[in-house]
N, C-alpha and C. Protein backbone atom coordinates (compact mmCIF):
# COMPACT_ATOMS: atom_id res chain seq x y z
N MET A 1 13.23 6.07 33.80
CA MET A 1 13.08 6.78 32.24
C MET A 1 12.96 5.84 32.02
N THR A 2 11.26 5.80 31.07
CA THR A 2 10.86 5.20 29.59
C THR A 2 11.68 5.47 28.81
N THR A 3 11.79 4.67 27.39
CA THR A 3 12.20 5.32 26.50
C THR A 3 11.02 5.64 25.29
N PRO A 4 10.84 6.40 24.63
CA PRO A 4 9.69 7.07 23.75
C PRO A 4 9.12 5.92 22.37
N ILE A 5 8.57 5.84 23.06
CA ILE A 5 7.53 4.62 21.51
C ILE A 5 7.65 6.06 20.45
N SER A 6 8.20 5.48 19.49
CA SER A 6 7.72 6.11 17.97
C SER A 6 6.26 6.19 18.32
N GLN A 7 5.66 7.01 17.09
CA GLN A 7 4.61 6.03 17.06
C GLN A 7 4.26 6.33 15.33
N PRO A 8 3.14 5.74 15.43
CA PRO A 8 2.99 4.80 13.87
C PRO A 8 2.52 6.28 12.92
N ARG A 9 2.85 6.34 12.14
CA ARG A 9 1.97 7.33 11.14
C ARG A 9 0.75 6.42 9.87
N PHE A 10 0.15 7.38 10.17
CA PHE A 10 -1.63 6.92 9.96
C PHE A 10 -1.44 8.52 8.74
N LEU A 11 -1.79 7.32 7.01
CA LEU A 11 -1.89 8.41 5.82
C LEU A 11 -3.98 8.40 5.31
N LYS A 12 -3.64 9.29 4.99
CA LYS A 12 -5.20 9.30 4.57
C LYS A 12 -4.79 8.84 3.19
N LEU A 13 -6.15 7.78 2.96
CA LEU A 13 -6.80 6.96 1.11
C LEU A 13 -5.89 8.51 0.26
N LYS A 14 -6.17 9.46 0.09
CA LYS A 14 -5.86 10.44 -1.01
C LYS A 14 -4.17 10.50 -1.04
N GLU A 15 -3.99 10.49 0.33
CA GLU A 15 -2.57 11.02 0.67
C GLU A 15 -1.92 9.29 0.02
N VAL A 16 -2.16 8.12 0.12
CA VAL A 16 -1.63 6.67 -0.50
C VAL A 16 -1.86 6.62 -2.29
N GLN A 17 -3.58 7.36 -2.58
CA GLN A 17 -3.48 7.50 -3.93
C GLN A 17 -2.50 8.07 -4.44
N ASP A 18 -1.87 9.75 -3.91
CA ASP A 18 -1.19 10.30 -4.58
C ASP A 18 -0.03 10.19 -4.89
N LEU A 19 0.77 8.85 -4.16
CA LEU A 19 1.57 8.39 -3.59
C LEU A 19 2.47 6.92 -4.84
N LEU A 20 0.92 6.86 -4.40
CA LEU A 20 1.35 5.31 -5.97
C LEU A 20 0.88 5.75 -7.30
N GLY A 21 0.05 7.23 -7.49
CA GLY A 21 -0.83 7.15 -8.56
C GLY A 21 -1.83 6.18 -9.02
N VAL A 22 -2.96 5.40 -7.75
CA VAL A 22 -3.78 5.00 -8.37
C VAL A 22 -4.91 5.41 -7.52
N SER A 23 -6.02 4.87 -8.21
CA SER A 23 -7.36 5.50 -7.51
C SER A 23 -8.47 4.82 -6.35
N ARG A 24 -9.22 5.39 -5.45
CA ARG A 24 -9.90 5.13 -4.63
C ARG A 24 -9.72 3.57 -5.31
N THR A 25 -11.07 3.86 -5.99
CA THR A 25 -11.04 2.25 -6.45
C THR A 25 -10.63 1.13 -6.27
N THR A 26 -8.75 1.62 -6.76
CA THR A 26 -7.87 0.76 -6.85
C THR A 26 -7.19 0.01 -5.45
N LEU A 27 -7.48 1.15 -4.50
CA LEU A 27 -6.91 0.70 -2.95
C LEU A 27 -7.73 0.41 -2.55
N TRP A 28 -9.50 0.06 -2.47
CA TRP A 28 -10.16 -1.01 -1.95
C TRP A 28 -10.31 -2.42 -2.68
N ARG A 29 -10.30 -2.09 -3.42
CA ARG A 29 -9.77 -3.73 -4.35
C ARG A 29 -8.35 -4.44 -4.05
N TRP A 30 -6.98 -3.69 -3.40
CA TRP A 30 -5.92 -3.99 -2.77
C TRP A 30 -6.77 -4.12 -1.25
N GLN A 31 -7.39 -3.97 -0.92
CA GLN A 31 -7.80 -4.37 0.49
C GLN A 31 -8.73 -5.37 0.93
N ALA A 32 -9.31 -5.24 -0.30
CA ALA A 32 -10.62 -6.72 -0.65
C ALA A 32 -10.16 -7.91 -0.78
N GLU A 33 -9.63 -7.94 -2.05
CA GLU A 33 -8.67 -8.79 -2.60
C GLU A 33 -7.29 -9.23 -1.89
N HIS A 34 -5.99 -8.37 -2.31
CA HIS A 34 -4.70 -8.55 -1.87
C HIS A 34 -4.28 -8.01 -0.29
N GLY A 35 -4.57 -7.84 0.45
CA GLY A 35 -5.09 -7.61 2.40
C GLY A 35 -4.22 -6.42 2.26
N LEU A 36 -4.18 -5.52 1.78
CA LEU A 36 -3.76 -3.95 2.14
C LEU A 36 -4.75 -3.83 3.19
N LYS A 37 -3.85 -3.53 4.51
CA LYS A 37 -4.93 -3.07 5.97
C LYS A 37 -5.14 -1.57 5.95
N VAL A 38 -6.29 -1.46 6.12
CA VAL A 38 -6.56 -0.50 6.50
C VAL A 38 -7.57 -0.46 8.43
N VAL A 39 -7.08 1.15 8.53
CA VAL A 39 -7.92 1.32 10.21
C VAL A 39 -8.87 1.99 9.57
N ARG A 40 -10.30 1.49 10.29
CA ARG A 40 -11.22 2.12 10.64
C ARG A 40 -11.63 2.60 11.98
N VAL A 41 -11.77 2.98 12.03
CA VAL A 41 -12.90 4.68 13.42
C VAL A 41 -13.97 5.23 12.58
N GLY A 42 -14.97 4.61 13.27
CA GLY A 42 -15.98 5.28 12.86
C GLY A 42 -16.03 5.68 11.07
N ASP A 43 -15.70 6.45 10.29
CA ASP A 43 -15.91 7.09 9.21
C ASP A 43 -14.52 7.52 9.25
N VAL A 44 -13.75 7.42 9.24
CA VAL A 44 -12.25 7.82 9.23
C VAL A 44 -11.03 6.30 8.97
N VAL A 45 -11.08 6.39 7.77
CA VAL A 45 -10.23 5.01 7.30
C VAL A 45 -8.87 5.77 7.04
N ARG A 46 -7.19 5.32 7.32
CA ARG A 46 -6.44 5.33 7.05
C ARG A 46 -5.56 4.12 6.79
N VAL A 47 -4.23 4.26 6.56
CA VAL A 47 -3.16 3.19 6.02
C VAL A 47 -2.01 3.81 6.72
N ARG A 48 -1.54 2.79 7.99
CA ARG A 48 -0.49 2.61 8.64
C ARG A 48 0.56 3.12 7.78
N GLU A 49 1.45 3.67 7.41
CA GLU A 49 2.81 3.34 6.99
C GLU A 49 3.41 2.45 7.20
N SER A 50 3.51 1.95 8.04
CA SER A 50 4.50 1.00 8.03
C SER A 50 3.56 -0.37 7.37
N ASP A 51 2.42 -0.92 7.62
CA ASP A 51 1.16 -2.11 6.69
C ASP A 51 1.73 -1.79 5.57
N LEU A 52 1.71 -0.27 4.68
CA LEU A 52 1.87 0.32 3.69
C LEU A 52 3.07 -0.15 2.86
N GLN A 53 4.24 -0.30 3.65
CA GLN A 53 5.35 -0.49 3.10
C GLN A 53 5.64 -2.33 3.19
N VAL A 54 4.67 -2.91 4.12
CA VAL A 54 4.72 -4.27 3.73
C VAL A 54 3.41 -4.97 2.80
N PHE A 55 2.90 -3.92 2.32
CA PHE A 55 1.96 -4.70 1.24
C PHE A 55 3.05 -3.92 0.18
N LEU A 56 3.41 -3.07 -0.24
CA LEU A 56 4.19 -3.26 -1.22
C LEU A 56 5.24 -4.11 -1.39
N LYS A 57 6.21 -4.49 -0.16
CA LYS A 57 7.13 -5.43 -0.44
C LYS A 57 6.62 -6.68 -0.82
N ARG A 58 5.47 -7.01 -0.21
CA ARG A 58 5.33 -8.56 -0.40
C ARG A 58 5.01 -8.65 -1.58
N HIS A 59 4.22 -7.51 -2.46
CA HIS A 59 3.82 -7.40 -3.83
C HIS A 59 4.78 -7.02 -5.19
N GLU A 60 6.51 -6.99 -4.99
CA GLU A 60 7.40 -6.67 -5.38
C GLU A 60 7.63 -7.60 -5.92
N THR A 61 8.51 -7.71 -7.26
CA THR A 61 8.85 -8.64 -8.32
C THR A 61 10.55 -8.17 -8.08
N ALA A 62 10.77 -9.69 -7.73
CA ALA A 62 12.25 -9.53 -7.79
C ALA A 62 12.97 -9.41 -8.96
N SER A 63 12.64 -9.28 -10.17
CA SER A 63 13.11 -9.35 -11.32
C SER A 63 12.49 -8.86 -12.28
N VAL A 64 12.47 -8.45 -13.57
CA VAL A 64 11.61 -8.36 -15.02
C VAL A 64 11.03 -9.59 -14.85
N SER A 65 11.46 -10.61 -15.37
CA SER A 65 10.92 -11.90 -15.35
C SER A 65 9.00 -12.01 -15.20
N GLY A 66 9.26 -11.12 -13.98
CA GLY A 66 7.62 -11.20 -12.91
C GLY A 66 7.15 -10.03 -14.38
N LEU A 67 7.42 -9.80 -15.27
CA LEU A 67 6.59 -8.72 -16.06
C LEU A 67 5.91 -9.81 -17.18
N PRO A 68 4.92 -9.19 -17.84
CA PRO A 68 4.18 -9.99 -18.53
C PRO A 68 5.13 -9.87 -19.51
N GLU A 69 5.34 -10.64 -20.32
CA GLU A 69 6.41 -10.85 -21.64
C GLU A 69 6.15 -9.85 -22.79
N GLU A 70 4.99 -9.00 -23.38
CA GLU A 70 4.75 -8.21 -24.12
C GLU A 70 6.12 -6.85 -23.58
N ILE A 71 5.75 -6.64 -22.17
CA ILE A 71 6.62 -5.49 -21.25
C ILE A 71 8.10 -6.25 -21.39
N GLU A 72 8.65 -6.83 -21.09
CA GLU A 72 10.12 -7.37 -21.19
C GLU A 72 10.60 -7.21 -22.87
N ASN A 73 9.49 -7.49 -24.11
CA ASN A 73 10.26 -7.26 -25.08
C ASN A 73 10.30 -6.07 -25.87
N GLY A 74 9.52 -5.13 -24.74
CA GLY A 74 9.45 -4.04 -25.76
C GLY A 74 8.79 -3.21 -26.50
N ALA A 75 7.75 -4.23 -26.03
CA ALA A 75 5.87 -3.99 -26.62
C ALA A 75 4.89 -3.32 -26.18
């Protein structure tokens, strides 16, 4: 008997927008400039959930020191 392989979950761009609170333009900029992976089949574009998690982890800051100074100082 073979072990079932879990199927990857694919998110619509609108789902990613809503989840992160960003615009469609921002998603395309992240794809073009920051390496967010998208899957395109014809006119259908999706983001693999695992790719989104990797992207977010890669851009995560380790501490407050990664924030601009005015935010650190409460400005």
